[in-house]
């Protein structure tokens, strides 16, 4: 950790699409408990991540890290 800068968030997800140049769409899945019924539900979110080498393919399990904004919607990069 650099002084004055917090640790960056990391997540693990599945590559949903790798059809863009240097960009992959990653699906993040988390488990949440319903507040009333207490059933465990899956919540999904698709985000765009920067893939510099272009090695990721659909279905790959990847680790992504928070980074500076790369474009209008891209704020993560593949580690």
C-alpha atoms as a PDB file:
ATOM      1  CA  UNK A   1       0.000   0.000   0.000  1.00  0.00           C
ATOM      2  CA  UNK A   2       1.312   3.408  -0.983  1.00  0.00           C
ATOM      3  CA  UNK A   3       0.999   6.112   1.650  1.00  0.00           C
ATOM      4  CA  UNK A   4      -2.297   7.996   1.359  1.00  0.00           C
ATOM      5  CA  UNK A   5      -3.829   5.509  -1.089  1.00  0.00           C
ATOM      6  CA  UNK A   6      -6.100   2.659   0.047  1.00  0.00           C
ATOM      7  CA  UNK A   7      -5.808  -0.907  -1.210  1.00  0.00           C
ATOM      8  CA  UNK A   8      -7.634  -1.499  -4.474  1.00  0.00           C
ATOM      9  CA  UNK A   9     -10.688  -3.744  -4.595  1.00  0.00           C
ATOM     10  CA  UNK A  10     -10.299  -7.137  -6.248  1.00  0.00           C
ATOM     11  CA  UNK A  11     -13.043  -9.480  -7.395  1.00  0.00           C
ATOM     12  CA  UNK A  12     -13.229 -12.886  -9.089  1.00  0.00           C
ATOM     13  CA  UNK A  13     -15.685 -13.388 -11.938  1.00  0.00           C
ATOM     14  CA  UNK A  14     -16.461 -15.251 -15.142  1.00  0.00           C
ATOM     15  CA  UNK A  15     -15.778 -13.744 -18.569  1.00  0.00           C
ATOM     16  CA  UNK A  16     -19.146 -13.358 -20.298  1.00  0.00           C
ATOM     17  CA  UNK A  17     -17.910 -11.817 -23.553  1.00  0.00           C
ATOM     18  CA  UNK A  18     -14.487 -11.216 -25.102  1.00  0.00           C
ATOM     19  CA  UNK A  19     -15.577  -9.877 -28.493  1.00  0.00           C
ATOM     20  CA  UNK A  20     -14.238  -6.353 -27.955  1.00  0.00           C
ATOM     21  CA  UNK A  21     -10.679  -5.178 -28.503  1.00  0.00           C
ATOM     22  CA  UNK A  22      -8.712  -5.133 -25.196  1.00  0.00           C
ATOM     23  CA  UNK A  23     -11.987  -5.282 -23.238  1.00  0.00           C
ATOM     24  CA  UNK A  24     -13.854  -8.153 -21.595  1.00  0.00           C
ATOM     25  CA  UNK A  25     -17.278  -8.267 -19.982  1.00  0.00           C
ATOM     26  CA  UNK A  26     -17.081  -9.988 -16.587  1.00  0.00           C
ATOM     27  CA  UNK A  27     -20.042 -11.343 -14.620  1.00  0.00           C
ATOM     28  CA  UNK A  28     -19.718 -10.978 -10.851  1.00  0.00           C
ATOM     29  CA  UNK A  29     -21.990 -13.159  -8.713  1.00  0.00           C
ATOM     30  CA  UNK A  30     -22.634 -12.617  -5.011  1.00  0.00           C
ATOM     31  CA  UNK A  31     -24.900 -14.299  -2.494  1.00  0.00           C
ATOM     32  CA  UNK A  32     -27.314 -12.174  -0.445  1.00  0.00           C
ATOM     33  CA  UNK A  33     -29.869 -13.186   2.153  1.00  0.00           C
ATOM     34  CA  UNK A  34     -33.426 -11.934   1.680  1.00  0.00           C
ATOM     35  CA  UNK A  35     -34.249  -9.545   4.557  1.00  0.00           C
ATOM     36  CA  UNK A  36     -37.682 -11.031   5.303  1.00  0.00           C
ATOM     37  CA  UNK A  37     -37.674 -14.626   4.035  1.00  0.00           C
ATOM     38  CA  UNK A  38     -33.969 -15.309   4.692  1.00  0.00           C
ATOM     39  CA  UNK A  39     -33.582 -17.300   1.502  1.00  0.00           C
ATOM     40  CA  UNK A  40     -30.112 -17.005  -0.056  1.00  0.00           C
ATOM     41  CA  UNK A  41     -30.306 -15.465  -3.525  1.00  0.00           C
ATOM     42  CA  UNK A  42     -27.762 -14.929  -6.284  1.00  0.00           C
ATOM     43  CA  UNK A  43     -27.215 -11.376  -7.504  1.00  0.00           C
ATOM     44  CA  UNK A  44     -25.272 -10.795 -10.730  1.00  0.00           C
ATOM     45  CA  UNK A  45     -23.606  -7.736 -12.185  1.00  0.00           C
ATOM     46  CA  UNK A  46     -21.825  -7.327 -15.530  1.00  0.00           C
ATOM     47  CA  UNK A  47     -18.865  -4.978 -15.668  1.00  0.00           C
ATOM     48  CA  UNK A  48     -16.266  -4.097 -18.302  1.00  0.00           C
ATOM     49  CA  UNK A  49     -12.589  -4.794 -17.597  1.00  0.00           C
ATOM     50  CA  UNK A  50      -9.401  -3.916 -19.465  1.00  0.00           C
ATOM     51  CA  UNK A  51      -7.516  -6.933 -20.915  1.00  0.00           C
ATOM     52  CA  UNK A  52      -4.254  -5.574 -22.320  1.00  0.00           C
ATOM     53  CA  UNK A  53      -2.970  -8.833 -23.893  1.00  0.00           C
ATOM     54  CA  UNK A  54      -6.382  -9.977 -25.102  1.00  0.00           C
ATOM     55  CA  UNK A  55      -5.827 -13.497 -23.734  1.00  0.00           C
ATOM     56  CA  UNK A  56      -9.184 -13.920 -21.951  1.00  0.00           C
ATOM     57  CA  UNK A  57     -11.910 -16.019 -23.583  1.00  0.00           C
ATOM     58  CA  UNK A  58     -15.597 -16.453 -22.722  1.00  0.00           C
ATOM     59  CA  UNK A  59     -16.029 -18.777 -19.748  1.00  0.00           C
ATOM     60  CA  UNK A  60     -12.618 -18.060 -18.185  1.00  0.00           C
ATOM     61  CA  UNK A  61     -12.439 -17.380 -14.457  1.00  0.00           C
ATOM     62  CA  UNK A  62     -10.526 -14.137 -13.936  1.00  0.00           C
ATOM     63  CA  UNK A  63      -9.398 -11.879 -11.118  1.00  0.00           C
ATOM     64  CA  UNK A  64     -10.013  -8.188 -11.708  1.00  0.00           C
ATOM     65  CA  UNK A  65      -8.706  -5.134  -9.881  1.00  0.00           C
ATOM     66  CA  UNK A  66     -10.070  -1.634  -9.525  1.00  0.00           C
ATOM     67  CA  UNK A  67      -8.125   0.968 -11.522  1.00  0.00           C
ATOM     68  CA  UNK A  68      -8.343   4.474 -12.955  1.00  0.00           C
ATOM     69  CA  UNK A  69     -11.090   5.118 -15.515  1.00  0.00           C
ATOM     70  CA  UNK A  70     -10.027   3.690 -18.886  1.00  0.00           C
ATOM     71  CA  UNK A  71     -13.176   4.770 -20.734  1.00  0.00           C
ATOM     72  CA  UNK A  72     -16.763   5.812 -20.041  1.00  0.00           C
ATOM     73  CA  UNK A  73     -17.709   2.457 -18.453  1.00  0.00           C
ATOM     74  CA  UNK A  74     -14.352   0.709 -17.862  1.00  0.00           C
ATOM     75  CA  UNK A  75     -12.942   1.031 -14.322  1.00  0.00           C
ATOM     76  CA  UNK A  76     -11.441  -2.447 -13.767  1.00  0.00           C
ATOM     77  CA  UNK A  77      -8.526  -4.388 -15.241  1.00  0.00           C
ATOM     78  CA  UNK A  78      -7.737  -8.081 -15.499  1.00  0.00           C
ATOM     79  CA  UNK A  79      -5.023  -9.268 -13.115  1.00  0.00           C
END
